[in-house]
Amino acid sequence: ARLTEVLVHHADLDAGFTHRDWPAGFTTRMLASVTASYARRDNAPDLRLRATDTGEEHGQGDHLVTGPATSLLAWLMGRTQGADLTATDNITLPFLY
C-alpha cells in the first residue's frame, strides 16, 4: 500500500516522474487489482484491456482498449484521460475515476 501511494503520488507531482516510470512488477500487480475492483462494481464499463507492451489482458468486456500497461493503469486510476490508448468500435473512453 505504501509503495502504491509513493509511486502514484510521485507521478501526480508533475516533477519529471510519470506513470511511464512505474516499475513493471508494480504495474502488473496494480492492473490486476484495479481491474478486479472495477469488475465488482454494478456500473462497471463493458471493457477488455490489452497491454500492447506485455500482452496481458484484463476484463471480459466487448469493447477492447489497448495501450502500454502503465498507460492503461494510469487511465484506470484517473491519472490520465487515456490519450495514448486505443479503443475498438470508435467508442469514447469514459472517465472512470
PDB file of N, CA and C in Angstrom:
ATOM      1  N   ALA A   1       0.825  -1.191   0.000  1.00  0.00           N
ATOM      2  CA  ALA A   1       0.000   0.000   0.000  1.00  0.00           C
ATOM      3  C   ALA A   1       0.871   1.258   0.000  1.00  0.00           C
ATOM      4  N   ARG A   2       1.937   1.233   0.761  1.00  0.00           N
ATOM      5  CA  ARG A   2       2.798   2.416   0.817  1.00  0.00           C
ATOM      6  C   ARG A   2       3.478   2.653  -0.527  1.00  0.00           C
ATOM      7  N   LEU A   3       3.952   1.576  -1.161  1.00  0.00           N
ATOM      8  CA  LEU A   3       4.597   1.724  -2.466  1.00  0.00           C
ATOM      9  C   LEU A   3       3.630   2.324  -3.479  1.00  0.00           C
ATOM     10  N   THR A   4       2.392   1.891  -3.443  1.00  0.00           N
ATOM     11  CA  THR A   4       1.381   2.442  -4.341  1.00  0.00           C
ATOM     12  C   THR A   4       1.243   3.939  -4.124  1.00  0.00           C
ATOM     13  N   GLU A   5       1.122   4.342  -2.877  1.00  0.00           N
ATOM     14  CA  GLU A   5       0.991   5.764  -2.560  1.00  0.00           C
ATOM     15  C   GLU A   5       2.192   6.555  -3.060  1.00  0.00           C
ATOM     16  N   VAL A   6       3.385   6.036  -2.820  1.00  0.00           N
ATOM     17  CA  VAL A   6       4.603   6.749  -3.222  1.00  0.00           C
ATOM     18  C   VAL A   6       4.677   6.877  -4.742  1.00  0.00           C
ATOM     19  N   LEU A   7       4.488   5.774  -5.460  1.00  0.00           N
ATOM     20  CA  LEU A   7       4.632   5.810  -6.917  1.00  0.00           C
ATOM     21  C   LEU A   7       3.541   6.638  -7.595  1.00  0.00           C
ATOM     22  N   VAL A   8       2.314   6.448  -7.176  1.00  0.00           N
ATOM     23  CA  VAL A   8       1.208   7.165  -7.813  1.00  0.00           C
ATOM     24  C   VAL A   8       1.308   8.660  -7.531  1.00  0.00           C
ATOM     25  N   HIS A   9       1.529   9.020  -6.286  1.00  0.00           N
ATOM     26  CA  HIS A   9       1.566  10.445  -5.959  1.00  0.00           C
ATOM     27  C   HIS A   9       2.852  11.113  -6.423  1.00  0.00           C
ATOM     28  N   HIS A  10       3.927  10.355  -6.558  1.00  0.00           N
ATOM     29  CA  HIS A  10       5.142  10.909  -7.157  1.00  0.00           C
ATOM     30  C   HIS A  10       4.842  11.337  -8.593  1.00  0.00           C
ATOM     31  N   ALA A  11       4.121  10.514  -9.326  1.00  0.00           N
ATOM     32  CA  ALA A  11       3.736  10.881 -10.691  1.00  0.00           C
ATOM     33  C   ALA A  11       2.788  12.086 -10.685  1.00  0.00           C
ATOM     34  N   ASP A  12       1.926  12.175  -9.679  1.00  0.00           N
ATOM     35  CA  ASP A  12       0.987  13.297  -9.581  1.00  0.00           C
ATOM     36  C   ASP A  12       1.693  14.642  -9.415  1.00  0.00           C
ATOM     37  N   LEU A  13       2.900  14.628  -8.860  1.00  0.00           N
ATOM     38  CA  LEU A  13       3.616  15.877  -8.587  1.00  0.00           C
ATOM     39  C   LEU A  13       4.077  16.601  -9.848  1.00  0.00           C
ATOM     40  N   ASP A  14       4.066  15.909 -10.981  1.00  0.00           N
ATOM     41  CA  ASP A  14       4.493  16.505 -12.247  1.00  0.00           C
ATOM     42  C   ASP A  14       5.901  17.098 -12.126  1.00  0.00           C
ATOM     43  N   ALA A  15       6.798  16.289 -11.551  1.00  0.00           N
ATOM     44  CA  ALA A  15       8.177  16.731 -11.319  1.00  0.00           C
ATOM     45  C   ALA A  15       9.165  15.892 -12.134  1.00  0.00           C
ATOM     46  N   GLY A  16       8.735  15.428 -13.303  1.00  0.00           N
ATOM     47  CA  GLY A  16       9.623  14.659 -14.161  1.00  0.00           C
ATOM     48  C   GLY A  16       9.472  13.154 -14.037  1.00  0.00           C
ATOM     49  N   PHE A  17       8.727  12.679 -13.061  1.00  0.00           N
ATOM     50  CA  PHE A  17       8.440  11.254 -12.876  1.00  0.00           C
ATOM     51  C   PHE A  17       6.993  11.061 -13.282  1.00  0.00           C
ATOM     52  N   THR A  18       6.745  10.183 -14.257  1.00  0.00           N
ATOM     53  CA  THR A  18       5.379   9.978 -14.739  1.00  0.00           C
ATOM     54  C   THR A  18       4.961   8.523 -14.568  1.00  0.00           C
ATOM     55  N   HIS A  19       3.725   8.245 -14.935  1.00  0.00           N
ATOM     56  CA  HIS A  19       3.234   6.866 -14.878  1.00  0.00           C
ATOM     57  C   HIS A  19       4.083   5.946 -15.754  1.00  0.00           C
ATOM     58  N   ARG A  20       4.718   6.485 -16.762  1.00  0.00           N
ATOM     59  CA  ARG A  20       5.577   5.667 -17.632  1.00  0.00           C
ATOM     60  C   ARG A  20       6.812   5.157 -16.891  1.00  0.00           C
ATOM     61  N   ASP A  21       7.115   5.753 -15.748  1.00  0.00           N
ATOM     62  CA  ASP A  21       8.267   5.344 -14.937  1.00  0.00           C
ATOM     63  C   ASP A  21       7.913   4.278 -13.898  1.00  0.00           C
ATOM     64  N   TRP A  22       6.636   3.927 -13.790  1.00  0.00           N
ATOM     65  CA  TRP A  22       6.254   2.909 -12.814  1.00  0.00           C
ATOM     66  C   TRP A  22       6.918   1.581 -13.164  1.00  0.00           C
ATOM     67  N   PRO A  23       7.439   0.862 -12.166  1.00  0.00           N
ATOM     68  CA  PRO A  23       8.088  -0.434 -12.418  1.00  0.00           C
ATOM     69  C   PRO A  23       7.094  -1.467 -12.973  1.00  0.00           C
ATOM     70  N   ALA A  24       7.606  -2.378 -13.784  1.00  0.00           N
ATOM     71  CA  ALA A  24       6.761  -3.394 -14.425  1.00  0.00           C
ATOM     72  C   ALA A  24       6.015  -4.248 -13.404  1.00  0.00           C
ATOM     73  N   GLY A  25       6.695  -4.700 -12.357  1.00  0.00           N
ATOM     74  CA  GLY A  25       6.043  -5.536 -11.352  1.00  0.00           C
ATOM     75  C   GLY A  25       4.902  -4.822 -10.657  1.00  0.00           C
ATOM     76  N   PHE A  26       5.113  -3.566 -10.319  1.00  0.00           N
ATOM     77  CA  PHE A  26       4.070  -2.744  -9.699  1.00  0.00           C
ATOM     78  C   PHE A  26       2.886  -2.614 -10.650  1.00  0.00           C
ATOM     79  N   THR A  27       3.171  -2.298 -11.906  1.00  0.00           N
ATOM     80  CA  THR A  27       2.110  -2.100 -12.893  1.00  0.00           C
ATOM     81  C   THR A  27       1.297  -3.373 -13.095  1.00  0.00           C
ATOM     82  N   THR A  28       1.956  -4.504 -13.193  1.00  0.00           N
ATOM     83  CA  THR A  28       1.263  -5.783 -13.376  1.00  0.00           C
ATOM     84  C   THR A  28       0.339  -6.077 -12.196  1.00  0.00           C
ATOM     85  N   ARG A  29       0.857  -5.929 -10.987  1.00  0.00           N
ATOM     86  CA  ARG A  29       0.039  -6.194  -9.787  1.00  0.00           C
ATOM     87  C   ARG A  29      -1.141  -5.237  -9.691  1.00  0.00           C
ATOM     88  N   MET A  30      -0.882  -3.967  -9.937  1.00  0.00           N
ATOM     89  CA  MET A  30      -1.943  -2.975  -9.796  1.00  0.00           C
ATOM     90  C   MET A  30      -3.001  -3.099 -10.887  1.00  0.00           C
ATOM     91  N   LEU A  31      -2.603  -3.429 -12.109  1.00  0.00           N
ATOM     92  CA  LEU A  31      -3.603  -3.636 -13.169  1.00  0.00           C
ATOM     93  C   LEU A  31      -4.562  -4.751 -12.780  1.00  0.00           C
ATOM     94  N   ALA A  32      -4.026  -5.836 -12.261  1.00  0.00           N
ATOM     95  CA  ALA A  32      -4.879  -6.951 -11.827  1.00  0.00           C
ATOM     96  C   ALA A  32      -5.796  -6.512 -10.692  1.00  0.00           C
ATOM     97  N   SER A  33      -5.259  -5.781  -9.744  1.00  0.00           N
ATOM     98  CA  SER A  33      -6.035  -5.338  -8.589  1.00  0.00           C
ATOM     99  C   SER A  33      -7.121  -4.338  -8.977  1.00  0.00           C
ATOM    100  N   VAL A  34      -6.761  -3.348  -9.757  1.00  0.00           N
ATOM    101  CA  VAL A  34      -7.715  -2.302 -10.133  1.00  0.00           C
ATOM    102  C   VAL A  34      -8.807  -2.855 -11.043  1.00  0.00           C
ATOM    103  N   THR A  35      -8.453  -3.707 -12.002  1.00  0.00           N
ATOM    104  CA  THR A  35      -9.487  -4.275 -12.874  1.00  0.00           C
ATOM    105  C   THR A  35     -10.417  -5.201 -12.095  1.00  0.00           C
ATOM    106  N   ALA A  36      -9.895  -5.921 -11.119  1.00  0.00           N
ATOM    107  CA  ALA A  36     -10.752  -6.760 -10.268  1.00  0.00           C
ATOM    108  C   ALA A  36     -11.708  -5.890  -9.464  1.00  0.00           C
ATOM    109  N   SER A  37     -11.228  -4.754  -9.005  1.00  0.00           N
ATOM    110  CA  SER A  37     -12.075  -3.825  -8.257  1.00  0.00           C
ATOM    111  C   SER A  37     -13.202  -3.288  -9.137  1.00  0.00           C
ATOM    112  N   TYR A  38     -12.876  -2.910 -10.364  1.00  0.00           N
ATOM    113  CA  TYR A  38     -13.912  -2.436 -11.289  1.00  0.00           C
ATOM    114  C   TYR A  38     -14.923  -3.535 -11.593  1.00  0.00           C
ATOM    115  N   ALA A  39     -14.476  -4.760 -11.725  1.00  0.00           N
ATOM    116  CA  ALA A  39     -15.367  -5.874 -12.070  1.00  0.00           C
ATOM    117  C   ALA A  39     -16.438  -6.095 -11.007  1.00  0.00           C
ATOM    118  N   ARG A  40     -16.147  -5.711  -9.778  1.00  0.00           N
ATOM    119  CA  ARG A  40     -17.118  -5.890  -8.691  1.00  0.00           C
ATOM    120  C   ARG A  40     -18.167  -4.780  -8.652  1.00  0.00           C
ATOM    121  N   ARG A  41     -18.003  -3.761  -9.440  1.00  0.00           N
ATOM    122  CA  ARG A  41     -18.952  -2.639  -9.447  1.00  0.00           C
ATOM    123  C   ARG A  41     -20.166  -2.960 -10.320  1.00  0.00           C
ATOM    124  N   ASP A  42     -21.318  -2.502  -9.881  1.00  0.00           N
ATOM    125  CA  ASP A  42     -22.533  -2.695 -10.671  1.00  0.00           C
ATOM    126  C   ASP A  42     -22.495  -1.908 -11.978  1.00  0.00           C
ATOM    127  N   ASN A  43     -21.821  -0.772 -11.959  1.00  0.00           N
ATOM    128  CA  ASN A  43     -21.795   0.098 -13.136  1.00  0.00           C
ATOM    129  C   ASN A  43     -20.476  -0.005 -13.901  1.00  0.00           C
ATOM    130  N   ALA A  44     -19.821  -1.151 -13.806  1.00  0.00           N
ATOM    131  CA  ALA A  44     -18.529  -1.335 -14.478  1.00  0.00           C
ATOM    132  C   ALA A  44     -18.694  -1.210 -15.990  1.00  0.00           C
ATOM    133  N   PRO A  45     -17.793  -0.475 -16.636  1.00  0.00           N
ATOM    134  CA  PRO A  45     -17.884  -0.371 -18.096  1.00  0.00           C
ATOM    135  C   PRO A  45     -17.590  -1.709 -18.763  1.00  0.00           C
ATOM    136  N   ASP A  46     -18.185  -1.912 -19.922  1.00  0.00           N
ATOM    137  CA  ASP A  46     -18.065  -3.169 -20.667  1.00  0.00           C
ATOM    138  C   ASP A  46     -16.769  -3.166 -21.480  1.00  0.00           C
ATOM    139  N   LEU A  47     -15.633  -3.282 -20.770  1.00  0.00           N
ATOM    140  CA  LEU A  47     -14.334  -3.150 -21.418  1.00  0.00           C
ATOM    141  C   LEU A  47     -13.440  -4.355 -21.164  1.00  0.00           C
ATOM    142  N   ARG A  48     -12.582  -4.595 -22.134  1.00  0.00           N
ATOM    143  CA  ARG A  48     -11.489  -5.559 -22.003  1.00  0.00           C
ATOM    144  C   ARG A  48     -10.221  -4.778 -22.310  1.00  0.00           C
ATOM    145  N   LEU A  49      -9.206  -4.946 -21.489  1.00  0.00           N
ATOM    146  CA  LEU A  49      -7.964  -4.199 -21.645  1.00  0.00           C
ATOM    147  C   LEU A  49      -6.850  -5.118 -22.108  1.00  0.00           C
ATOM    148  N   ARG A  50      -6.044  -4.635 -23.057  1.00  0.00           N
ATOM    149  CA  ARG A  50      -4.884  -5.405 -23.511  1.00  0.00           C
ATOM    150  C   ARG A  50      -3.666  -4.484 -23.501  1.00  0.00           C
ATOM    151  N   ALA A  51      -2.654  -4.891 -22.744  1.00  0.00           N
ATOM    152  CA  ALA A  51      -1.406  -4.135 -22.708  1.00  0.00           C
ATOM    153  C   ALA A  51      -0.575  -4.498 -23.932  1.00  0.00           C
ATOM    154  N   THR A  52      -0.291  -3.519 -24.758  1.00  0.00           N
ATOM    155  CA  THR A  52       0.430  -3.775 -26.004  1.00  0.00           C
ATOM    156  C   THR A  52       1.897  -4.112 -25.772  1.00  0.00           C
ATOM    157  N   ASP A  53       2.428  -3.728 -24.633  1.00  0.00           N
ATOM    158  CA  ASP A  53       3.843  -3.996 -24.363  1.00  0.00           C
ATOM    159  C   ASP A  53       4.076  -5.321 -23.655  1.00  0.00           C
ATOM    160  N   THR A  54       3.056  -5.851 -22.986  1.00  0.00           N
ATOM    161  CA  THR A  54       3.232  -7.105 -22.247  1.00  0.00           C
ATOM    162  C   THR A  54       2.336  -8.227 -22.761  1.00  0.00           C
ATOM    163  N   GLY A  55       1.272  -7.880 -23.493  1.00  0.00           N
ATOM    164  CA  GLY A  55       0.320  -8.874 -23.970  1.00  0.00           C
ATOM    165  C   GLY A  55      -0.717  -9.270 -22.939  1.00  0.00           C
ATOM    166  N   GLU A  56      -0.614  -8.732 -21.729  1.00  0.00           N
ATOM    167  CA  GLU A  56      -1.587  -9.070 -20.682  1.00  0.00           C
ATOM    168  C   GLU A  56      -2.971  -8.559 -21.054  1.00  0.00           C
ATOM    169  N   GLU A  57      -3.989  -9.328 -20.665  1.00  0.00           N
ATOM    170  CA  GLU A  57      -5.377  -8.913 -20.852  1.00  0.00           C
ATOM    171  C   GLU A  57      -6.096  -8.936 -19.525  1.00  0.00           C
ATOM    172  N   HIS A  58      -6.973  -7.968 -19.355  1.00  0.00           N
ATOM    173  CA  HIS A  58      -7.775  -7.861 -18.140  1.00  0.00           C
ATOM    174  C   HIS A  58      -9.200  -7.523 -18.541  1.00  0.00           C
ATOM    175  N   GLY A  59     -10.148  -8.085 -17.812  1.00  0.00           N
ATOM    176  CA  GLY A  59     -11.547  -7.815 -18.086  1.00  0.00           C
ATOM    177  C   GLY A  59     -12.091  -8.724 -19.169  1.00  0.00           C
ATOM    178  N   GLN A  60     -13.413  -8.701 -19.314  1.00  0.00           N
ATOM    179  CA  GLN A  60     -14.065  -9.580 -20.280  1.00  0.00           C
ATOM    180  C   GLN A  60     -15.125  -8.856 -21.088  1.00  0.00           C
ATOM    181  N   GLY A  61     -14.993  -7.556 -21.194  1.00  0.00           N
ATOM    182  CA  GLY A  61     -15.991  -6.778 -21.913  1.00  0.00           C
ATOM    183  C   GLY A  61     -15.907  -6.938 -23.415  1.00  0.00           C
ATOM    184  N   ASP A  62     -16.909  -6.396 -24.090  1.00  0.00           N
ATOM    185  CA  ASP A  62     -16.980  -6.477 -25.548  1.00  0.00           C
ATOM    186  C   ASP A  62     -16.088  -5.451 -26.238  1.00  0.00           C
ATOM    187  N   HIS A  63     -15.801  -4.340 -25.575  1.00  0.00           N
ATOM    188  CA  HIS A  63     -15.010  -3.270 -26.175  1.00  0.00           C
ATOM    189  C   HIS A  63     -13.564  -3.389 -25.712  1.00  0.00           C
ATOM    190  N   LEU A  64     -12.651  -3.453 -26.668  1.00  0.00           N
ATOM    191  CA  LEU A  64     -11.232  -3.619 -26.368  1.00  0.00           C
ATOM    192  C   LEU A  64     -10.538  -2.264 -26.302  1.00  0.00           C
ATOM    193  N   VAL A  65      -9.770  -2.059 -25.239  1.00  0.00           N
ATOM    194  CA  VAL A  65      -8.937  -0.869 -25.084  1.00  0.00           C
ATOM    195  C   VAL A  65      -7.495  -1.351 -25.016  1.00  0.00           C
ATOM    196  N   THR A  66      -6.632  -0.788 -25.857  1.00  0.00           N
ATOM    197  CA  THR A  66      -5.240  -1.220 -25.902  1.00  0.00           C
ATOM    198  C   THR A  66      -4.298  -0.046 -25.674  1.00  0.00           C
ATOM    199  N   GLY A  67      -3.122  -0.387 -25.173  1.00  0.00           N
ATOM    200  CA  GLY A  67      -2.075   0.603 -24.957  1.00  0.00           C
ATOM    201  C   GLY A  67      -1.046   0.036 -24.003  1.00  0.00           C
ATOM    202  N   PRO A  68       0.008   0.797 -23.725  1.00  0.00           N
ATOM    203  CA  PRO A  68       1.020   0.339 -22.777  1.00  0.00           C
ATOM    204  C   PRO A  68       0.405   0.085 -21.396  1.00  0.00           C
ATOM    205  N   ALA A  69       0.925  -0.894 -20.696  1.00  0.00           N
ATOM    206  CA  ALA A  69       0.380  -1.266 -19.384  1.00  0.00           C
ATOM    207  C   ALA A  69       0.327  -0.078 -18.434  1.00  0.00           C
ATOM    208  N   THR A  70       1.387   0.720 -18.394  1.00  0.00           N
ATOM    209  CA  THR A  70       1.394   1.862 -17.473  1.00  0.00           C
ATOM    210  C   THR A  70       0.322   2.879 -17.850  1.00  0.00           C
ATOM    211  N   SER A  71       0.061   3.039 -19.125  1.00  0.00           N
ATOM    212  CA  SER A  71      -0.969   3.981 -19.565  1.00  0.00           C
ATOM    213  C   SER A  71      -2.368   3.470 -19.241  1.00  0.00           C
ATOM    214  N   LEU A  72      -2.585   2.168 -19.399  1.00  0.00           N
ATOM    215  CA  LEU A  72      -3.874   1.586 -19.007  1.00  0.00           C
ATOM    216  C   LEU A  72      -4.118   1.808 -17.523  1.00  0.00           C
ATOM    217  N   LEU A  73      -3.103   1.538 -16.713  1.00  0.00           N
ATOM    218  CA  LEU A  73      -3.249   1.700 -15.266  1.00  0.00           C
ATOM    219  C   LEU A  73      -3.479   3.157 -14.892  1.00  0.00           C
ATOM    220  N   ALA A  74      -2.719   4.065 -15.468  1.00  0.00           N
ATOM    221  CA  ALA A  74      -2.890   5.487 -15.154  1.00  0.00           C
ATOM    222  C   ALA A  74      -4.305   5.949 -15.498  1.00  0.00           C
ATOM    223  N   TRP A  75      -4.843   5.484 -16.624  1.00  0.00           N
ATOM    224  CA  TRP A  75      -6.203   5.839 -17.014  1.00  0.00           C
ATOM    225  C   TRP A  75      -7.222   5.253 -16.036  1.00  0.00           C
ATOM    226  N   LEU A  76      -7.051   3.981 -15.688  1.00  0.00           N
ATOM    227  CA  LEU A  76      -7.979   3.341 -14.751  1.00  0.00           C
ATOM    228  C   LEU A  76      -7.985   4.031 -13.392  1.00  0.00           C
ATOM    229  N   MET A  77      -6.836   4.576 -13.003  1.00  0.00           N
ATOM    230  CA  MET A  77      -6.714   5.235 -11.704  1.00  0.00           C
ATOM    231  C   MET A  77      -7.057   6.721 -11.768  1.00  0.00           C
ATOM    232  N   GLY A  78      -7.508   7.182 -12.931  1.00  0.00           N
ATOM    233  CA  GLY A  78      -7.912   8.576 -13.058  1.00  0.00           C
ATOM    234  C   GLY A  78      -6.759   9.550 -13.143  1.00  0.00           C
ATOM    235  N   ARG A  79      -5.575   9.055 -13.498  1.00  0.00           N
ATOM    236  CA  ARG A  79      -4.396   9.922 -13.582  1.00  0.00           C
ATOM    237  C   ARG A  79      -4.213  10.511 -14.970  1.00  0.00           C
ATOM    238  N   THR A  80      -4.809   9.904 -15.985  1.00  0.00           N
ATOM    239  CA  THR A  80      -4.760  10.441 -17.349  1.00  0.00           C
ATOM    240  C   THR A  80      -6.137  10.266 -17.982  1.00  0.00           C
ATOM    241  N   GLN A  81      -6.313  10.897 -19.125  1.00  0.00           N
ATOM    242  CA  GLN A  81      -7.559  10.741 -19.878  1.00  0.00           C
ATOM    243  C   GLN A  81      -7.454   9.649 -20.927  1.00  0.00           C
ATOM    244  N   GLY A  82      -6.318   8.948 -20.955  1.00  0.00           N
ATOM    245  CA  GLY A  82      -6.153   7.843 -21.888  1.00  0.00           C
ATOM    246  C   GLY A  82      -5.820   8.264 -23.303  1.00  0.00           C
ATOM    247  N   ALA A  83      -5.150   9.401 -23.461  1.00  0.00           N
ATOM    248  CA  ALA A  83      -4.844   9.921 -24.797  1.00  0.00           C
ATOM    249  C   ALA A  83      -3.992   8.967 -25.626  1.00  0.00           C
ATOM    250  N   ASP A  84      -3.180   8.140 -24.988  1.00  0.00           N
ATOM    251  CA  ASP A  84      -2.329   7.215 -25.747  1.00  0.00           C
ATOM    252  C   ASP A  84      -2.901   5.801 -25.793  1.00  0.00           C
ATOM    253  N   LEU A  85      -4.194   5.678 -25.506  1.00  0.00           N
ATOM    254  CA  LEU A  85      -4.884   4.391 -25.584  1.00  0.00           C
ATOM    255  C   LEU A  85      -5.770   4.366 -26.823  1.00  0.00           C
ATOM    256  N   THR A  86      -6.056   3.169 -27.300  1.00  0.00           N
ATOM    257  CA  THR A  86      -6.915   2.994 -28.467  1.00  0.00           C
ATOM    258  C   THR A  86      -8.091   2.114 -28.076  1.00  0.00           C
ATOM    259  N   ALA A  87      -9.280   2.524 -28.478  1.00  0.00           N
ATOM    260  CA  ALA A  87     -10.484   1.745 -28.187  1.00  0.00           C
ATOM    261  C   ALA A  87     -11.109   1.273 -29.488  1.00  0.00           C
ATOM    262  N   THR A  88     -11.591   0.030 -29.494  1.00  0.00           N
ATOM    263  CA  THR A  88     -12.271  -0.501 -30.672  1.00  0.00           C
ATOM    264  C   THR A  88     -13.669   0.086 -30.772  1.00  0.00           C
ATOM    265  N   ASP A  89     -14.284  -0.114 -31.883  1.00  0.00           N
ATOM    266  CA  ASP A  89     -15.670   0.299 -32.120  1.00  0.00           C
ATOM    267  C   ASP A  89     -15.858   1.804 -32.021  1.00  0.00           C
ATOM    268  N   ASN A  90     -14.770   2.554 -32.132  1.00  0.00           N
ATOM    269  CA  ASN A  90     -14.838   4.017 -32.077  1.00  0.00           C
ATOM    270  C   ASN A  90     -15.534   4.545 -30.832  1.00  0.00           C
ATOM    271  N   ILE A  91     -15.434   3.821 -29.738  1.00  0.00           N
ATOM    272  CA  ILE A  91     -16.039   4.316 -28.507  1.00  0.00           C
ATOM    273  C   ILE A  91     -15.144   5.407 -27.917  1.00  0.00           C
ATOM    274  N   THR A  92     -15.747   6.299 -27.193  1.00  0.00           N
ATOM    275  CA  THR A  92     -15.001   7.311 -26.456  1.00  0.00           C
ATOM    276  C   THR A  92     -14.676   6.719 -25.097  1.00  0.00           C
ATOM    277  N   LEU A  93     -13.418   6.803 -24.706  1.00  0.00           N
ATOM    278  CA  LEU A  93     -13.040   6.257 -23.405  1.00  0.00           C
ATOM    279  C   LEU A  93     -13.748   7.025 -22.303  1.00  0.00           C
ATOM    280  N   PRO A  94     -14.406   6.321 -21.413  1.00  0.00           N
ATOM    281  CA  PRO A  94     -15.085   7.014 -20.320  1.00  0.00           C
ATOM    282  C   PRO A  94     -14.087   7.504 -19.280  1.00  0.00           C
ATOM    283  N   PHE A  95     -14.460   8.554 -18.566  1.00  0.00           N
ATOM    284  CA  PHE A  95     -13.686   8.973 -17.406  1.00  0.00           C
ATOM    285  C   PHE A  95     -14.106   8.034 -16.290  1.00  0.00           C
ATOM    286  N   LEU A  96     -13.167   7.290 -15.752  1.00  0.00           N
ATOM    287  CA  LEU A  96     -13.519   6.201 -14.842  1.00  0.00           C
ATOM    288  C   LEU A  96     -13.414   6.537 -13.372  1.00  0.00           C
ATOM    289  N   TYR A  97     -12.682   7.517 -13.031  1.00  0.00           N
ATOM    290  CA  TYR A  97     -12.416   7.724 -11.607  1.00  0.00           C
ATOM    291  C   TYR A  97     -13.135   8.913 -11.070  1.00  0.00           C
TER     292      TYR A  97
END
